[in-house]
Amino acid sequence: MHSNETTDFAEQINEGLDEILSSDEKALIMGLGVTDPKGIFGTTLGLIEKYGSNRVIETPTSENAVTGIGVGLAITGYRPIMVHQRLDFFLLAMDQLVNSAAKWHYMFGGQQSVPITIRLITGRGWGQGPTHSQNLHSWLTHIPGLKVVMPAFASDVKKLLIASVNDPNPVIFIEDRWCHMQRIDRNLIRDAHLEIGKAEVIETGNDLTIVSAGFSTIQCLRAVKFLKKHEVNVELVDLKTLKPLDIDAILTSVAKTGKLLVVDSGTEISSFASEIISVVTRLAFNKLRQAPEMITAPDVPEPTSHGVIGEFKFDSTDIAKKTLKILNKNLESLDFSELTDDLPDVPNSNFSGPF
């Protein structure tokens, strides 16, 4: 049982789903495991008891068929929230997403919309290996007609989920499984509406701009706070939404710092980091004082072995060291031990928040 004074990322999703279901009788939840005793990291706990099996629907392991049903429900006036416990499983339903949900509004001249929200859980963890831990958000941003939301913080996730469900268009809502345990004081929960497509500067500085989203933002924030102790002042832009992209927020920060580092959990080739660097280079080349840099996963499948994963995954130490290298600062005297993950494939207790 959670205390009334604190809450976590998963509980905020649960509260958001409860609020959506109670306020809109056309809203429903569908997915494999939504009625499971663990409730998909706790995000769907208690909902079937409150709203019944007609609105909290356990589905078969048939991702393509079930997503097609969800798209059909959205076309006929419902607001389905689909949940896929791993983004990798959802690849079986890409046809329904790309050729149906994303195209319907355009193909019918704007007369019909598809208000479906698809929750995809992504990221590493516990030896899941190459087919269960992929970060494919850049794929999804490539599809016209989709919006892609990628929250980092428990203080944001409920508002962003509600905004996604209320949007008349299909929204992909990406949750990193390492974010679910992030615990914060309830006083940090935002009262104001959060708009899809708006980034936020969560740390200000003049030395360098770092841009990130999702769990990468948490890793960046740890690095930024560490560097601030050593008089390195970094500006951190949390995107919150990948598409539509808040280009103005990025350009405003780069105009101030003249330097850019993009941190992206996806692999390097055709990454979202590459897209941001492309946009900044095209639109603000004269503001850059040196070439933009990025940190991404390497262009190989993710290993399963605990002995190898530490060489594959970047952490807050890598971000801090890359920042210092860009700024031509000396690394030798700094102790990075507080930033290093002891077990790179198991969530670090430091990630529990607040952030």
Protein backbone atom coordinates (compact mmCIF):
# COMPACT_ATOMS: atom_id res chain seq x y z
CA MET A 1 0.00 0.00 0.00
CA HIS A 2 1.37 3.41 -0.96
CA SER A 3 1.33 6.25 1.54
CA ASN A 4 -0.78 9.33 0.98
CA GLU A 5 2.32 11.54 1.07
CA THR A 6 4.22 9.83 -1.72
CA THR A 7 3.41 8.22 -5.05
CA ASP A 8 5.25 6.56 -7.89
CA PHE A 9 5.22 6.54 -11.68
CA ALA A 10 3.15 3.34 -11.94
CA GLU A 11 0.61 4.54 -9.39
CA GLN A 12 0.21 7.81 -11.29
CA ILE A 13 -0.60 5.85 -14.44
CA ASN A 14 -3.11 3.83 -12.43
CA GLU A 15 -4.73 6.99 -11.06
CA GLY A 16 -4.82 8.47 -14.55
CA LEU A 17 -6.54 5.39 -15.97
CA ASP A 18 -9.05 5.46 -13.11
CA GLU A 19 -9.81 9.13 -13.78
CA ILE A 20 -10.22 8.50 -17.52
CA LEU A 21 -12.57 5.53 -17.02
CA SER A 22 -14.69 7.37 -14.46
CA SER A 23 -15.08 10.49 -16.61
CA ASP A 24 -15.75 8.88 -20.01
CA GLU A 25 -17.96 5.82 -20.33
CA LYS A 26 -16.60 5.26 -23.84
CA ALA A 27 -13.07 4.77 -22.50
CA LEU A 28 -11.83 1.22 -21.98
CA ILE A 29 -8.57 -0.65 -21.37
CA MET A 30 -7.45 -3.69 -23.36
CA GLY A 31 -4.34 -5.82 -23.16
CA LEU A 32 -2.64 -9.02 -22.14
CA GLY A 33 -2.16 -8.86 -18.38
CA VAL A 34 -4.39 -5.87 -17.56
CA THR A 35 -6.30 -8.08 -15.08
CA ASP A 36 -3.22 -9.97 -13.86
CA PRO A 37 -2.55 -9.85 -10.08
CA LYS A 38 0.56 -7.75 -10.77
CA GLY A 39 -1.40 -5.39 -13.03
CA ILE A 40 1.40 -4.58 -15.50
CA PHE A 41 3.88 -3.14 -13.00
CA GLY A 42 0.90 -2.06 -10.87
CA THR A 43 -0.49 0.30 -13.50
CA THR A 44 -3.87 -1.47 -13.90
CA LEU A 45 -4.43 -2.78 -10.38
CA GLY A 46 -7.99 -2.55 -9.05
CA LEU A 47 -9.54 -1.37 -12.29
CA ILE A 48 -11.42 -4.51 -13.27
CA GLU A 49 -12.96 -4.68 -9.79
CA LYS A 50 -14.21 -1.12 -10.19
CA TYR A 51 -15.23 -1.05 -13.86
CA GLY A 52 -15.86 -4.67 -14.80
CA SER A 53 -14.66 -6.94 -17.58
CA ASN A 54 -16.52 -5.03 -20.31
CA ARG A 55 -14.25 -2.02 -19.81
CA VAL A 56 -11.05 -3.62 -18.51
CA ILE A 57 -10.56 -6.36 -21.05
CA GLU A 58 -8.05 -9.18 -20.83
CA THR A 59 -7.03 -10.10 -24.36
CA PRO A 60 -5.53 -13.16 -26.04
CA THR A 61 -1.90 -13.24 -27.17
CA SER A 62 -2.91 -12.06 -30.64
CA GLU A 63 -1.42 -8.59 -30.96
CA ASN A 64 -2.41 -7.91 -34.56
CA ALA A 65 -6.02 -9.04 -34.15
CA VAL A 66 -6.52 -7.30 -30.81
CA THR A 67 -5.02 -4.02 -32.08
CA GLY A 68 -7.36 -4.23 -35.07
CA ILE A 69 -10.29 -4.54 -32.68
CA GLY A 70 -8.99 -1.50 -30.79
CA VAL A 71 -8.73 0.55 -33.98
CA GLY A 72 -12.26 -0.48 -34.94
CA LEU A 73 -13.58 0.53 -31.53
CA ALA A 74 -11.87 3.93 -31.84
CA ILE A 75 -13.38 4.51 -35.28
CA THR A 76 -16.86 3.79 -33.89
CA GLY A 77 -16.60 6.28 -31.04
CA TYR A 78 -14.85 4.50 -28.19
CA ARG A 79 -11.55 5.61 -26.61
CA PRO A 80 -9.55 2.42 -26.20
CA ILE A 81 -6.30 2.36 -24.24
CA MET A 82 -4.31 -0.62 -25.44
CA VAL A 83 -1.44 -2.01 -23.37
CA HIS A 84 1.43 -4.11 -24.72
CA GLN A 85 3.76 -5.24 -21.94
CA ARG A 86 6.72 -5.10 -24.29
CA LEU A 87 7.18 -2.90 -27.30
CA ASP A 88 8.75 -5.91 -29.03
CA PHE A 89 5.44 -7.83 -28.90
CA PHE A 90 3.66 -4.94 -30.56
CA LEU A 91 5.74 -5.40 -33.72
CA LEU A 92 3.20 -8.07 -34.67
CA ALA A 93 0.58 -5.31 -34.91
CA MET A 94 2.51 -2.78 -36.99
CA ASP A 95 0.19 -3.21 -39.97
CA GLN A 96 -2.84 -2.24 -37.89
CA LEU A 97 -0.97 0.79 -36.57
CA VAL A 98 0.78 2.02 -39.73
CA ASN A 99 -1.76 1.17 -42.42
CA SER A 100 -4.97 1.63 -40.44
CA ALA A 101 -4.83 3.79 -37.30
CA ALA A 102 -2.30 6.31 -38.61
CA LYS A 103 -3.94 6.71 -42.04
CA TRP A 104 -7.66 6.71 -41.36
CA HIS A 105 -8.10 10.42 -40.59
CA TYR A 106 -6.23 11.42 -43.76
CA MET A 107 -7.87 8.86 -46.05
CA PHE A 108 -11.36 10.02 -45.09
CA GLY A 109 -10.66 13.71 -45.51
CA GLY A 110 -10.60 14.51 -41.81
CA GLN A 111 -14.17 13.31 -41.28
CA GLN A 112 -13.14 10.40 -39.08
CA SER A 113 -10.53 10.15 -36.34
CA VAL A 114 -9.00 7.25 -34.44
CA PRO A 115 -8.69 8.24 -30.75
CA ILE A 116 -6.66 5.22 -29.62
CA THR A 117 -3.82 5.35 -27.11
CA ILE A 118 -1.30 2.51 -27.21
CA ARG A 119 0.88 2.04 -24.14
CA LEU A 120 4.18 0.35 -25.00
CA ILE A 121 6.63 -0.67 -22.28
CA THR A 122 10.23 -0.59 -23.33
CA GLY A 123 13.79 -0.72 -22.09
CA ARG A 124 16.29 -3.10 -20.58
CA GLY A 125 16.10 -5.26 -17.53
CA TRP A 126 16.85 -8.60 -15.92
CA GLY A 127 18.56 -10.31 -18.85
CA GLN A 128 15.73 -9.89 -21.34
CA GLY A 129 18.12 -9.82 -24.26
CA PRO A 130 17.81 -8.78 -27.91
CA THR A 131 14.11 -9.52 -28.54
CA HIS A 132 12.54 -8.24 -25.31
CA SER A 133 14.26 -4.93 -24.55
CA GLN A 134 14.42 -2.90 -27.74
CA ASN A 135 14.03 0.88 -27.86
CA LEU A 136 12.27 1.49 -31.18
CA HIS A 137 10.73 4.90 -30.58
CA SER A 138 12.42 6.41 -33.64
CA TRP A 139 10.56 3.90 -35.85
CA LEU A 140 7.26 5.16 -34.56
CA THR A 141 8.07 8.85 -35.07
CA HIS A 142 8.67 8.09 -38.76
CA ILE A 143 4.97 7.33 -39.37
CA PRO A 144 2.76 10.27 -40.48
CA GLY A 145 -0.45 10.43 -38.48
CA LEU A 146 0.99 9.25 -35.17
CA LYS A 147 1.92 11.16 -32.04
CA VAL A 148 4.62 9.72 -29.77
CA VAL A 149 4.80 10.57 -26.05
CA MET A 150 7.71 9.44 -23.87
CA PRO A 151 7.46 10.65 -20.25
CA ALA A 152 10.33 10.55 -17.77
CA PHE A 153 8.83 11.66 -14.46
CA ALA A 154 6.11 10.53 -12.09
CA SER A 155 5.11 14.19 -11.77
CA ASP A 156 4.25 14.29 -15.50
CA VAL A 157 3.01 10.88 -16.48
CA LYS A 158 -0.62 11.10 -15.36
CA LYS A 159 -1.22 14.43 -17.10
CA LEU A 160 0.50 13.26 -20.27
CA LEU A 161 -1.54 10.05 -20.30
CA ILE A 162 -4.80 11.97 -19.91
CA ALA A 163 -3.76 14.37 -22.69
CA SER A 164 -2.95 11.38 -24.91
CA VAL A 165 -6.32 9.71 -24.34
CA ASN A 166 -8.16 12.97 -24.96
CA ASP A 167 -6.33 13.53 -28.25
CA PRO A 168 -8.48 12.66 -31.31
CA ASN A 169 -5.49 11.05 -33.03
CA PRO A 170 -3.63 7.80 -32.36
CA VAL A 171 -0.98 8.31 -29.68
CA ILE A 172 1.88 5.96 -28.84
CA PHE A 173 2.64 6.26 -25.13
CA ILE A 174 6.08 4.81 -24.35
CA GLU A 175 6.99 3.87 -20.77
CA ASP A 176 10.43 2.67 -19.76
CA ARG A 177 10.03 -0.13 -17.22
CA TRP A 178 12.75 1.43 -15.05
CA CYS A 179 10.57 4.53 -14.61
CA HIS A 180 7.70 2.64 -12.98
CA MET A 181 9.28 2.51 -9.50
CA GLN A 182 10.20 6.20 -9.42
CA ARG A 183 8.80 7.54 -6.11
CA ILE A 184 8.10 11.22 -5.45
CA ASP A 185 6.36 13.49 -2.98
CA ARG A 186 2.75 14.03 -4.01
CA ASN A 187 3.28 17.78 -3.72
CA LEU A 188 5.37 17.54 -6.90
CA ILE A 189 2.39 16.35 -8.97
CA ARG A 190 1.40 18.95 -11.51
CA ASP A 191 -2.04 20.50 -11.22
CA ALA A 192 -1.89 22.13 -14.61
CA HIS A 193 -2.73 20.43 -17.91
CA LEU A 194 0.31 19.21 -19.83
CA GLU A 195 0.18 19.66 -23.57
CA ILE A 196 1.44 17.05 -26.00
CA GLY A 197 4.33 18.48 -27.98
CA LYS A 198 5.82 20.73 -25.30
CA ALA A 199 9.30 20.12 -23.91
CA GLU A 200 10.59 21.48 -20.61
CA VAL A 201 13.94 22.83 -19.47
CA ILE A 202 14.36 21.02 -16.15
CA GLU A 203 17.88 22.28 -15.37
CA THR A 204 19.28 25.58 -16.60
CA GLY A 205 22.86 26.26 -17.57
CA ASN A 206 25.10 28.05 -20.04
CA ASP A 207 27.84 25.51 -20.77
CA LEU A 208 26.03 22.88 -22.85
CA THR A 209 22.52 21.78 -23.91
CA ILE A 210 21.57 18.14 -23.32
CA VAL A 211 18.35 16.86 -24.94
CA SER A 212 16.72 13.58 -23.94
CA ALA A 213 13.42 11.82 -23.22
CA GLY A 214 12.11 8.98 -21.08
CA PHE A 215 14.49 7.15 -18.77
CA SER A 216 17.47 8.75 -20.51
CA THR A 217 16.34 12.05 -18.98
CA ILE A 218 16.66 10.55 -15.51
CA GLN A 219 20.18 9.38 -16.32
CA CYS A 220 21.03 12.82 -17.70
CA LEU A 221 19.61 14.58 -14.66
CA ARG A 222 21.81 12.56 -12.32
CA ALA A 223 24.84 13.50 -14.43
CA VAL A 224 23.84 17.17 -14.60
CA LYS A 225 23.38 17.42 -10.82
CA PHE A 226 26.76 15.73 -10.29
CA LEU A 227 28.47 18.14 -12.70
CA LYS A 228 26.86 21.16 -11.06
CA LYS A 229 28.73 20.28 -7.85
CA HIS A 230 31.90 20.72 -9.89
CA GLU A 231 30.87 24.07 -11.40
CA VAL A 232 29.81 22.70 -14.77
CA ASN A 233 26.39 24.13 -15.61
CA VAL A 234 24.41 22.13 -18.16
CA GLU A 235 20.96 22.93 -19.54
CA LEU A 236 18.77 19.82 -19.69
CA VAL A 237 15.77 19.71 -22.03
CA ASP A 238 13.27 16.92 -21.33
CA LEU A 239 11.33 16.42 -24.56
CA LYS A 240 8.32 14.58 -23.03
CA THR A 241 6.96 14.20 -26.57
CA LEU A 242 8.98 12.98 -29.54
CA LYS A 243 6.29 13.79 -32.08
CA PRO A 244 5.29 16.53 -32.45
CA LEU A 245 8.79 17.69 -31.54
CA ASP A 246 9.21 20.96 -29.63
CA ILE A 247 11.87 22.34 -31.95
CA ASP A 248 11.63 25.85 -30.51
CA ALA A 249 12.61 24.70 -27.01
CA ILE A 250 15.69 22.94 -28.37
CA LEU A 251 16.75 25.84 -30.58
CA THR A 252 16.27 28.38 -27.78
CA SER A 253 18.58 26.40 -25.51
CA VAL A 254 21.21 25.81 -28.20
CA ALA A 255 21.20 29.53 -29.02
CA LYS A 256 22.16 30.15 -25.39
CA THR A 257 24.83 27.47 -24.95
CA GLY A 258 26.19 26.98 -28.48
CA LYS A 259 26.81 23.28 -27.74
CA LEU A 260 24.56 20.22 -28.02
CA LEU A 261 24.59 16.66 -26.71
CA VAL A 262 21.63 14.38 -27.44
CA VAL A 263 21.17 11.26 -25.31
CA ASP A 264 19.02 8.54 -26.85
CA SER A 265 18.34 4.98 -25.64
CA GLY A 266 17.91 3.79 -29.23
CA THR A 267 20.65 2.55 -31.52
CA GLU A 268 22.81 5.04 -33.41
CA ILE A 269 21.81 4.55 -37.06
CA SER A 270 18.65 6.54 -37.94
CA SER A 271 18.23 7.36 -34.26
CA PHE A 272 16.05 10.09 -32.82
CA ALA A 273 19.27 11.72 -31.67
CA SER A 274 20.29 11.94 -35.34
CA GLU A 275 16.98 13.64 -36.15
CA ILE A 276 17.47 16.29 -33.46
CA ILE A 277 21.03 16.97 -34.56
CA SER A 278 19.82 17.25 -38.15
CA VAL A 279 17.13 19.77 -37.18
CA VAL A 280 19.54 21.89 -35.11
CA THR A 281 22.23 21.81 -37.78
CA ARG A 282 19.79 22.88 -40.49
CA LEU A 283 17.98 25.56 -38.52
CA ALA A 284 20.61 26.89 -36.12
CA PHE A 285 24.00 26.11 -37.65
CA ASN A 286 25.22 29.65 -36.97
CA LYS A 287 24.43 29.25 -33.26
CA LEU A 288 26.66 26.19 -32.82
CA ARG A 289 30.18 26.77 -31.56
CA GLN A 290 31.21 23.18 -32.22
CA ALA A 291 29.80 19.99 -33.78
CA PRO A 292 26.84 18.41 -31.95
CA GLU A 293 27.44 15.08 -30.22
CA MET A 294 25.23 12.15 -29.23
CA ILE A 295 25.17 9.16 -26.91
CA THR A 296 23.18 6.15 -28.13
CA ALA A 297 23.16 2.39 -27.88
CA PRO A 298 25.62 0.67 -30.22
CA ASP A 299 24.38 -0.69 -33.53
CA VAL A 300 24.24 -4.33 -32.42
CA PRO A 301 21.48 -6.42 -30.78
CA GLU A 302 21.35 -6.16 -27.00
CA PRO A 303 23.16 -8.99 -25.20
CA THR A 304 21.48 -11.19 -22.60
CA SER A 305 24.59 -11.91 -20.54
CA HIS A 306 25.04 -9.90 -17.35
CA GLY A 307 28.76 -10.05 -18.01
CA VAL A 308 28.43 -8.20 -21.31
CA ILE A 309 25.52 -5.81 -20.77
CA GLY A 310 27.68 -3.38 -18.78
CA GLU A 311 29.75 -2.70 -21.89
CA PHE A 312 26.63 -2.27 -24.02
CA LYS A 313 24.56 0.16 -21.93
CA PHE A 314 25.53 3.75 -21.17
CA ASP A 315 24.86 5.23 -17.74
CA SER A 316 25.08 8.59 -15.97
CA THR A 317 28.85 8.26 -15.69
CA ASP A 318 29.16 8.03 -19.47
CA ILE A 319 26.97 11.13 -19.87
CA ALA A 320 29.02 13.11 -17.35
CA LYS A 321 32.32 12.07 -18.95
CA LYS A 322 31.06 12.88 -22.45
CA THR A 323 29.94 16.31 -21.25
CA LEU A 324 33.32 17.06 -19.73
CA LYS A 325 35.07 15.92 -22.90
CA ILE A 326 32.91 18.20 -25.05
CA LEU A 327 33.71 21.09 -22.73
CA ASN A 328 37.41 20.16 -22.70
CA LYS A 329 37.39 19.76 -18.92
CA ASN A 330 39.80 17.60 -16.94
CA LEU A 331 38.33 14.23 -15.83
CA GLU A 332 41.20 12.98 -13.72
CA SER A 333 40.29 14.44 -10.33
CA LEU A 334 36.60 13.47 -10.29
CA ASP A 335 35.11 10.47 -8.51
CA PHE A 336 32.26 9.09 -10.65
CA SER A 337 31.42 6.16 -8.37
CA GLU A 338 28.10 7.65 -7.23
CA LEU A 339 26.87 7.64 -10.83
CA THR A 340 27.88 4.11 -11.85
CA ASP A 341 25.31 1.31 -11.96
CA ASP A 342 26.48 -1.61 -9.80
CA LEU A 343 24.28 -4.01 -11.79
CA PRO A 344 23.70 -2.49 -15.23
CA ASP A 345 20.73 -4.78 -16.02
CA VAL A 346 18.94 -4.36 -12.67
CA PRO A 347 17.26 -1.07 -11.68
CA ASN A 348 19.53 0.98 -9.44
CA SER A 349 17.96 2.03 -6.14
CA ASN A 350 19.07 5.60 -6.91
CA PHE A 351 16.42 5.71 -9.64
CA SER A 352 13.53 5.67 -7.17
CA GLY A 353 13.32 9.48 -7.06
CA PRO A 354 12.38 12.14 -6.35
CA PHE A 355 13.94 13.83 -9.34
